[in-house]
Amino acid sequence: MRHRYRGRKLGRTASHRKAMEKNMCNSIIEHERIITTIQKAKHIKPIIEKLVTLGKVDTTAHRRQAFADLRDKEMTSKLFEVLGPRFANRPGGYCRILKLAKPRLGDNGQRVLIEFVERSVEEDAPVVEVAAAE
């Protein structure tokens, strides 16, 4: 039994899981919506929401904390210059997870769309598919 064990391992080592979290956070900030599995989306949602909360107040300390999680200067600046002001009046709940009808080809995994609630609408913006196989 797993009583009192927190967090998801997602079938990965700690270093692989940490790298996956950084890559997925960067992809969500860059594209504002990605397609992934439901387990990964539920795992990454609180992480991205904490980053957006940091981005609402632009201080040096917050920028350093966000950069420590993202390790990408462009995505850190987008977090503080675009996403932070966009969600300035929203108290939380910056992301949503929408289940997709068709499962993933290959292993029939449940696919979901994770996106920001208030995102810039671009008509021909492609949806980025992340992590094809587990």
Foldseek 3Di string as FASTA:
>chain_A
DCPPDDDDPPPDDPVVVLVVLLVVLLVCLVQQKAKDFPNVCVRNVVVNQVLLVLLLDDDPVSLVVNCVSRVDPVSSCSSNPPSNVVCNPPPTDQKDKAWDDFAAPPPRGTMIMIGGPDDDDDPPRDHHYPDRDD
